[in-house]
Amino acid sequence: MSERVMIFIDGSNVFHGLRALNVKIDYSKLVEFLRDGRTLVRAYFYTAVPQEKDVKKGSPEWESLQRQKRFLDELSFMGIKVKTANLRKLPSGEMLEKEVDIMLATDMLALAFRDAYDTAVLVSGDSDFIHMVEEVQRMGKRVENATFKKTSSYQLRRTCDRFILLDDHLNKFLMPEKKAKKEEEKERGLLAALKKLFGL
């Protein structure tokens, strides 16, 4: 029987890794690369978005929220299951990302318990996932870690059964240059709006 694989992508962690390299990727190609000829059960993408009630309609922040939603819709149409948490607005006006790591960890653990996969590919460099990885391994599952050098955790790499440095394989999932330029313009606007929204 073919090895069953599930892919769990920490959107924020990947975003910071890509920013450091100043590149854009095609997520459908990334999933195909990580699948590596095995049976893909499902790929998940986790992120946090502002709540509409916290963003003024017609503002640059509102436009950035709409762009983010369109990006997440594109992932869904690629067959990637998108799971979102709400960015919480603090009394100071700052936005706080909560729940994303918990959502990812809960899904990976619950699906391992249900024997939904043989191997999990964790696309993140967050060392907070170490205990979750160890628990999944105790259930008899393998865990591979794929991440970019900028956001990679040595301890997480060491805990997982296999490590894939995505920087070394960019040619397999880079976005074509023309499309990347369009996406870069969109993202520049998104980043400026988010900075304004978060008071950065």
C-alpha atoms as a PDB file:
ATOM      1  CA  MET A   1       0.000   0.000   0.000  1.00  0.00           C
ATOM      2  CA  SER A   2       1.283   3.480  -0.902  1.00  0.00           C
ATOM      3  CA  GLU A   3       2.496   5.712   1.922  1.00  0.00           C
ATOM      4  CA  ARG A   4      -0.243   8.191   2.900  1.00  0.00           C
ATOM      5  CA  VAL A   5       0.916  11.776   3.383  1.00  0.00           C
ATOM      6  CA  MET A   6      -0.698  14.857   4.912  1.00  0.00           C
ATOM      7  CA  ILE A   7       0.895  18.305   4.644  1.00  0.00           C
ATOM      8  CA  PHE A   8       0.451  20.964   7.329  1.00  0.00           C
ATOM      9  CA  ILE A   9       1.565  24.474   6.286  1.00  0.00           C
ATOM     10  CA  ASP A  10       2.129  27.202   8.884  1.00  0.00           C
ATOM     11  CA  GLY A  11       1.263  30.186   6.665  1.00  0.00           C
ATOM     12  CA  SER A  12       2.881  32.901   8.787  1.00  0.00           C
ATOM     13  CA  ASN A  13       6.137  30.975   9.173  1.00  0.00           C
ATOM     14  CA  VAL A  14       6.346  30.350   5.421  1.00  0.00           C
ATOM     15  CA  PHE A  15       5.542  34.020   4.698  1.00  0.00           C
ATOM     16  CA  HIS A  16       8.529  35.194   6.780  1.00  0.00           C
ATOM     17  CA  GLY A  17      10.826  32.644   5.127  1.00  0.00           C
ATOM     18  CA  LEU A  18       9.767  33.804   1.661  1.00  0.00           C
ATOM     19  CA  ARG A  19      10.188  37.472   2.554  1.00  0.00           C
ATOM     20  CA  ALA A  20      13.786  36.827   3.620  1.00  0.00           C
ATOM     21  CA  LEU A  21      14.492  35.250   0.199  1.00  0.00           C
ATOM     22  CA  ASN A  22      12.368  37.800  -1.677  1.00  0.00           C
ATOM     23  CA  VAL A  23      10.672  35.119  -3.798  1.00  0.00           C
ATOM     24  CA  LYS A  24       7.148  33.948  -4.576  1.00  0.00           C
ATOM     25  CA  ILE A  25       6.093  30.319  -4.747  1.00  0.00           C
ATOM     26  CA  ASP A  26       3.368  28.297  -6.390  1.00  0.00           C
ATOM     27  CA  TYR A  27       1.727  26.450  -3.500  1.00  0.00           C
ATOM     28  CA  SER A  28       0.310  23.720  -5.728  1.00  0.00           C
ATOM     29  CA  LYS A  29       3.867  22.948  -6.906  1.00  0.00           C
ATOM     30  CA  LEU A  30       5.137  23.064  -3.303  1.00  0.00           C
ATOM     31  CA  VAL A  31       2.521  20.489  -2.291  1.00  0.00           C
ATOM     32  CA  GLU A  32       3.439  18.295  -5.260  1.00  0.00           C
ATOM     33  CA  PHE A  33       7.144  18.536  -4.342  1.00  0.00           C
ATOM     34  CA  LEU A  34       6.496  17.602  -0.704  1.00  0.00           C
ATOM     35  CA  ARG A  35       4.161  14.759  -1.720  1.00  0.00           C
ATOM     36  CA  ASP A  36       7.147  13.226  -3.522  1.00  0.00           C
ATOM     37  CA  GLY A  37       5.173  10.560  -5.397  1.00  0.00           C
ATOM     38  CA  ARG A  38       3.282   9.377  -2.344  1.00  0.00           C
ATOM     39  CA  THR A  39      -0.495   9.313  -1.821  1.00  0.00           C
ATOM     40  CA  LEU A  40      -1.615  12.783  -0.737  1.00  0.00           C
ATOM     41  CA  VAL A  41      -4.570  12.584   1.632  1.00  0.00           C
ATOM     42  CA  ARG A  42      -4.839  16.351   2.119  1.00  0.00           C
ATOM     43  CA  ALA A  43      -2.790  19.544   2.431  1.00  0.00           C
ATOM     44  CA  TYR A  44      -3.747  22.160   5.027  1.00  0.00           C
ATOM     45  CA  PHE A  45      -2.811  25.850   5.195  1.00  0.00           C
ATOM     46  CA  TYR A  46      -3.161  27.700   8.518  1.00  0.00           C
ATOM     47  CA  THR A  47      -3.271  31.466   8.947  1.00  0.00           C
ATOM     48  CA  ALA A  48      -4.934  34.301  10.860  1.00  0.00           C
ATOM     49  CA  VAL A  49      -6.983  37.114   9.332  1.00  0.00           C
ATOM     50  CA  PRO A  50      -8.443  40.307  10.805  1.00  0.00           C
ATOM     51  CA  GLN A  51     -12.169  40.297  11.533  1.00  0.00           C
ATOM     52  CA  GLU A  52     -14.141  42.564   9.217  1.00  0.00           C
ATOM     53  CA  LYS A  53     -15.602  44.446  12.189  1.00  0.00           C
ATOM     54  CA  ASP A  54     -12.065  45.516  13.144  1.00  0.00           C
ATOM     55  CA  VAL A  55     -11.271  46.972   9.707  1.00  0.00           C
ATOM     56  CA  LYS A  56     -12.752  50.158   8.273  1.00  0.00           C
ATOM     57  CA  LYS A  57     -14.459  49.598   4.923  1.00  0.00           C
ATOM     58  CA  GLY A  58     -12.826  51.410   2.019  1.00  0.00           C
ATOM     59  CA  SER A  59      -9.521  51.822   3.870  1.00  0.00           C
ATOM     60  CA  PRO A  60      -6.172  50.402   2.626  1.00  0.00           C
ATOM     61  CA  GLU A  61      -6.467  47.829   5.432  1.00  0.00           C
ATOM     62  CA  TRP A  62      -9.853  46.768   4.045  1.00  0.00           C
ATOM     63  CA  GLU A  63      -8.349  46.340   0.573  1.00  0.00           C
ATOM     64  CA  SER A  64      -5.497  44.247   2.011  1.00  0.00           C
ATOM     65  CA  LEU A  65      -8.030  42.048   3.815  1.00  0.00           C
ATOM     66  CA  GLN A  66      -9.882  41.470   0.542  1.00  0.00           C
ATOM     67  CA  ARG A  67      -6.583  40.568  -1.197  1.00  0.00           C
ATOM     68  CA  GLN A  68      -5.776  38.129   1.581  1.00  0.00           C
ATOM     69  CA  LYS A  69      -9.194  36.524   1.187  1.00  0.00           C
ATOM     70  CA  ARG A  70      -8.671  36.179  -2.574  1.00  0.00           C
ATOM     71  CA  PHE A  71      -5.291  34.508  -1.965  1.00  0.00           C
ATOM     72  CA  LEU A  72      -6.891  32.046   0.464  1.00  0.00           C
ATOM     73  CA  ASP A  73      -9.656  31.344  -2.059  1.00  0.00           C
ATOM     74  CA  GLU A  74      -6.976  30.560  -4.675  1.00  0.00           C
ATOM     75  CA  LEU A  75      -5.408  28.048  -2.285  1.00  0.00           C
ATOM     76  CA  SER A  76      -8.812  26.424  -1.767  1.00  0.00           C
ATOM     77  CA  PHE A  77      -9.302  26.090  -5.522  1.00  0.00           C
ATOM     78  CA  MET A  78      -5.896  24.351  -5.678  1.00  0.00           C
ATOM     79  CA  GLY A  79      -7.301  21.709  -3.341  1.00  0.00           C
ATOM     80  CA  ILE A  80      -5.503  23.022  -0.244  1.00  0.00           C
ATOM     81  CA  LYS A  81      -7.739  23.074   2.841  1.00  0.00           C
ATOM     82  CA  VAL A  82      -7.508  26.569   4.359  1.00  0.00           C
ATOM     83  CA  LYS A  83      -8.053  26.960   8.101  1.00  0.00           C
ATOM     84  CA  THR A  84      -8.189  30.459   9.548  1.00  0.00           C
ATOM     85  CA  ALA A  85      -8.164  31.975  13.013  1.00  0.00           C
ATOM     86  CA  ASN A  86      -9.128  35.542  13.827  1.00  0.00           C
ATOM     87  CA  LEU A  87      -6.510  38.171  14.535  1.00  0.00           C
ATOM     88  CA  ARG A  88      -7.586  39.626  17.867  1.00  0.00           C
ATOM     89  CA  LYS A  89      -7.697  43.374  18.334  1.00  0.00           C
ATOM     90  CA  LEU A  90      -6.207  44.461  21.667  1.00  0.00           C
ATOM     91  CA  PRO A  91      -7.402  47.561  23.566  1.00  0.00           C
ATOM     92  CA  SER A  92      -4.194  49.258  22.353  1.00  0.00           C
ATOM     93  CA  GLY A  93      -5.391  48.746  18.770  1.00  0.00           C
ATOM     94  CA  GLU A  94      -2.676  46.195  17.989  1.00  0.00           C
ATOM     95  CA  MET A  95      -3.590  42.887  16.383  1.00  0.00           C
ATOM     96  CA  LEU A  96      -2.566  39.607  18.039  1.00  0.00           C
ATOM     97  CA  GLU A  97      -2.272  36.269  16.233  1.00  0.00           C
ATOM     98  CA  LYS A  98      -3.707  33.497  18.401  1.00  0.00           C
ATOM     99  CA  GLU A  99      -4.925  29.939  17.881  1.00  0.00           C
ATOM    100  CA  VAL A 100      -3.136  29.166  14.589  1.00  0.00           C
ATOM    101  CA  ASP A 101      -0.464  26.922  16.147  1.00  0.00           C
ATOM    102  CA  ILE A 102      -3.095  25.233  18.322  1.00  0.00           C
ATOM    103  CA  MET A 103      -5.306  24.551  15.281  1.00  0.00           C
ATOM    104  CA  LEU A 104      -2.412  22.991  13.368  1.00  0.00           C
ATOM    105  CA  ALA A 105      -1.241  20.891  16.337  1.00  0.00           C
ATOM    106  CA  THR A 106      -4.784  19.704  17.128  1.00  0.00           C
ATOM    107  CA  ASP A 107      -5.390  18.628  13.538  1.00  0.00           C
ATOM    108  CA  MET A 108      -2.081  16.799  13.205  1.00  0.00           C
ATOM    109  CA  LEU A 109      -2.618  14.951  16.492  1.00  0.00           C
ATOM    110  CA  ALA A 110      -6.296  14.132  15.900  1.00  0.00           C
ATOM    111  CA  LEU A 111      -5.659  12.866  12.368  1.00  0.00           C
ATOM    112  CA  ALA A 112      -2.732  10.738  13.566  1.00  0.00           C
ATOM    113  CA  PHE A 113      -4.989   9.262  16.263  1.00  0.00           C
ATOM    114  CA  ARG A 114      -7.576   8.430  13.572  1.00  0.00           C
ATOM    115  CA  ASP A 115      -4.851   6.800  11.447  1.00  0.00           C
ATOM    116  CA  ALA A 116      -5.594   9.195   8.575  1.00  0.00           C
ATOM    117  CA  TYR A 117      -1.961   9.297   7.429  1.00  0.00           C
ATOM    118  CA  ASP A 118       1.375   7.499   7.677  1.00  0.00           C
ATOM    119  CA  THR A 119       3.594  10.578   7.339  1.00  0.00           C
ATOM    120  CA  ALA A 120       2.954  14.208   8.245  1.00  0.00           C
ATOM    121  CA  VAL A 121       4.939  16.961   6.546  1.00  0.00           C
ATOM    122  CA  LEU A 122       5.146  19.961   8.865  1.00  0.00           C
ATOM    123  CA  VAL A 123       5.976  23.109   6.884  1.00  0.00           C
ATOM    124  CA  SER A 124       7.167  25.354   9.706  1.00  0.00           C
ATOM    125  CA  GLY A 125      10.290  26.189  11.643  1.00  0.00           C
ATOM    126  CA  ASP A 126       8.467  26.891  14.907  1.00  0.00           C
ATOM    127  CA  SER A 127      10.091  25.026  17.813  1.00  0.00           C
ATOM    128  CA  ASP A 128       6.769  25.194  19.718  1.00  0.00           C
ATOM    129  CA  PHE A 129       5.710  22.153  17.664  1.00  0.00           C
ATOM    130  CA  ILE A 130       8.386  19.837  19.114  1.00  0.00           C
ATOM    131  CA  HIS A 131       6.182  18.201  21.790  1.00  0.00           C
ATOM    132  CA  MET A 132       3.370  17.710  19.281  1.00  0.00           C
ATOM    133  CA  VAL A 133       5.790  16.041  16.838  1.00  0.00           C
ATOM    134  CA  GLU A 134       7.012  13.681  19.550  1.00  0.00           C
ATOM    135  CA  GLU A 135       3.436  12.706  20.432  1.00  0.00           C
ATOM    136  CA  VAL A 136       2.610  12.014  16.764  1.00  0.00           C
ATOM    137  CA  GLN A 137       5.738   9.857  16.523  1.00  0.00           C
ATOM    138  CA  ARG A 138       4.651   7.924  19.622  1.00  0.00           C
ATOM    139  CA  MET A 139       1.511   6.978  17.649  1.00  0.00           C
ATOM    140  CA  GLY A 140       3.767   5.283  15.097  1.00  0.00           C
ATOM    141  CA  LYS A 141       3.706   8.075  12.516  1.00  0.00           C
ATOM    142  CA  ARG A 142       6.632   9.688  10.734  1.00  0.00           C
ATOM    143  CA  VAL A 143       7.019  13.466  10.715  1.00  0.00           C
ATOM    144  CA  GLU A 144       9.018  15.345   8.091  1.00  0.00           C
ATOM    145  CA  ASN A 145       9.978  18.975   8.598  1.00  0.00           C
ATOM    146  CA  ALA A 146      10.200  21.308   5.602  1.00  0.00           C
ATOM    147  CA  THR A 147      11.102  24.947   6.066  1.00  0.00           C
ATOM    148  CA  PHE A 148      13.264  27.830   4.933  1.00  0.00           C
ATOM    149  CA  LYS A 149      16.658  28.489   6.504  1.00  0.00           C
ATOM    150  CA  LYS A 150      15.576  31.885   7.879  1.00  0.00           C
ATOM    151  CA  THR A 151      12.755  30.401   9.966  1.00  0.00           C
ATOM    152  CA  SER A 152      14.205  26.990  10.752  1.00  0.00           C
ATOM    153  CA  SER A 153      14.624  25.606  14.289  1.00  0.00           C
ATOM    154  CA  TYR A 154      17.554  23.255  14.868  1.00  0.00           C
ATOM    155  CA  GLN A 155      15.696  21.496  17.707  1.00  0.00           C
ATOM    156  CA  LEU A 156      12.618  20.893  15.526  1.00  0.00           C
ATOM    157  CA  ARG A 157      14.776  19.585  12.670  1.00  0.00           C
ATOM    158  CA  ARG A 158      16.509  17.213  15.050  1.00  0.00           C
ATOM    159  CA  THR A 159      13.204  15.912  16.450  1.00  0.00           C
ATOM    160  CA  CYS A 160      11.627  15.108  13.075  1.00  0.00           C
ATOM    161  CA  ASP A 161      12.348  11.967  11.047  1.00  0.00           C
ATOM    162  CA  ARG A 162      13.480  13.902   7.990  1.00  0.00           C
ATOM    163  CA  PHE A 163      14.385  17.520   7.254  1.00  0.00           C
ATOM    164  CA  ILE A 164      13.914  19.298   3.916  1.00  0.00           C
ATOM    165  CA  LEU A 165      15.565  22.709   3.486  1.00  0.00           C
ATOM    166  CA  LEU A 166      13.248  24.390   1.011  1.00  0.00           C
ATOM    167  CA  ASP A 167      15.904  26.953   0.002  1.00  0.00           C
ATOM    168  CA  ASP A 168      17.737  24.126  -1.796  1.00  0.00           C
ATOM    169  CA  HIS A 169      14.715  23.190  -3.945  1.00  0.00           C
ATOM    170  CA  LEU A 170      13.243  26.583  -4.923  1.00  0.00           C
ATOM    171  CA  ASN A 171      13.412  25.814  -8.656  1.00  0.00           C
ATOM    172  CA  LYS A 172      10.765  23.119  -8.140  1.00  0.00           C
ATOM    173  CA  PHE A 173       8.032  25.467  -6.887  1.00  0.00           C
ATOM    174  CA  LEU A 174       9.015  29.056  -7.732  1.00  0.00           C
ATOM    175  CA  MET A 175       6.276  31.153  -9.297  1.00  0.00           C
ATOM    176  CA  PRO A 176       6.934  32.216 -12.928  1.00  0.00           C
ATOM    177  CA  GLU A 177       8.569  35.677 -12.975  1.00  0.00           C
ATOM    178  CA  LYS A 178       5.687  37.613 -14.603  1.00  0.00           C
ATOM    179  CA  LYS A 179       3.141  36.235 -12.174  1.00  0.00           C
ATOM    180  CA  ALA A 180       5.564  36.778  -9.277  1.00  0.00           C
ATOM    181  CA  LYS A 181       5.901  40.489 -10.139  1.00  0.00           C
ATOM    182  CA  LYS A 182       2.131  40.914 -10.071  1.00  0.00           C
ATOM    183  CA  GLU A 183       1.938  39.085  -6.757  1.00  0.00           C
ATOM    184  CA  GLU A 184       4.789  41.204  -5.370  1.00  0.00           C
ATOM    185  CA  GLU A 185       2.920  44.412  -6.176  1.00  0.00           C
ATOM    186  CA  LYS A 186      -0.171  43.042  -4.438  1.00  0.00           C
ATOM    187  CA  GLU A 187       1.846  41.944  -1.424  1.00  0.00           C
ATOM    188  CA  ARG A 188       3.624  45.300  -1.122  1.00  0.00           C
ATOM    189  CA  GLY A 189       0.236  46.944  -0.795  1.00  0.00           C
ATOM    190  CA  LEU A 190      -0.907  44.272   1.651  1.00  0.00           C
ATOM    191  CA  LEU A 191       2.206  44.681   3.802  1.00  0.00           C
ATOM    192  CA  ALA A 192       1.903  48.477   3.909  1.00  0.00           C
ATOM    193  CA  ALA A 193      -1.744  48.195   4.929  1.00  0.00           C
ATOM    194  CA  LEU A 194      -1.005  45.579   7.601  1.00  0.00           C
ATOM    195  CA  LYS A 195       1.788  47.729   9.038  1.00  0.00           C
ATOM    196  CA  LYS A 196      -0.634  50.637   9.274  1.00  0.00           C
ATOM    197  CA  LEU A 197      -3.293  48.411  10.819  1.00  0.00           C
ATOM    198  CA  PHE A 198      -0.893  47.008  13.436  1.00  0.00           C
ATOM    199  CA  GLY A 199       0.722  50.371  14.104  1.00  0.00           C
ATOM    200  CA  LEU A 200       4.189  49.162  12.986  1.00  0.00           C
END
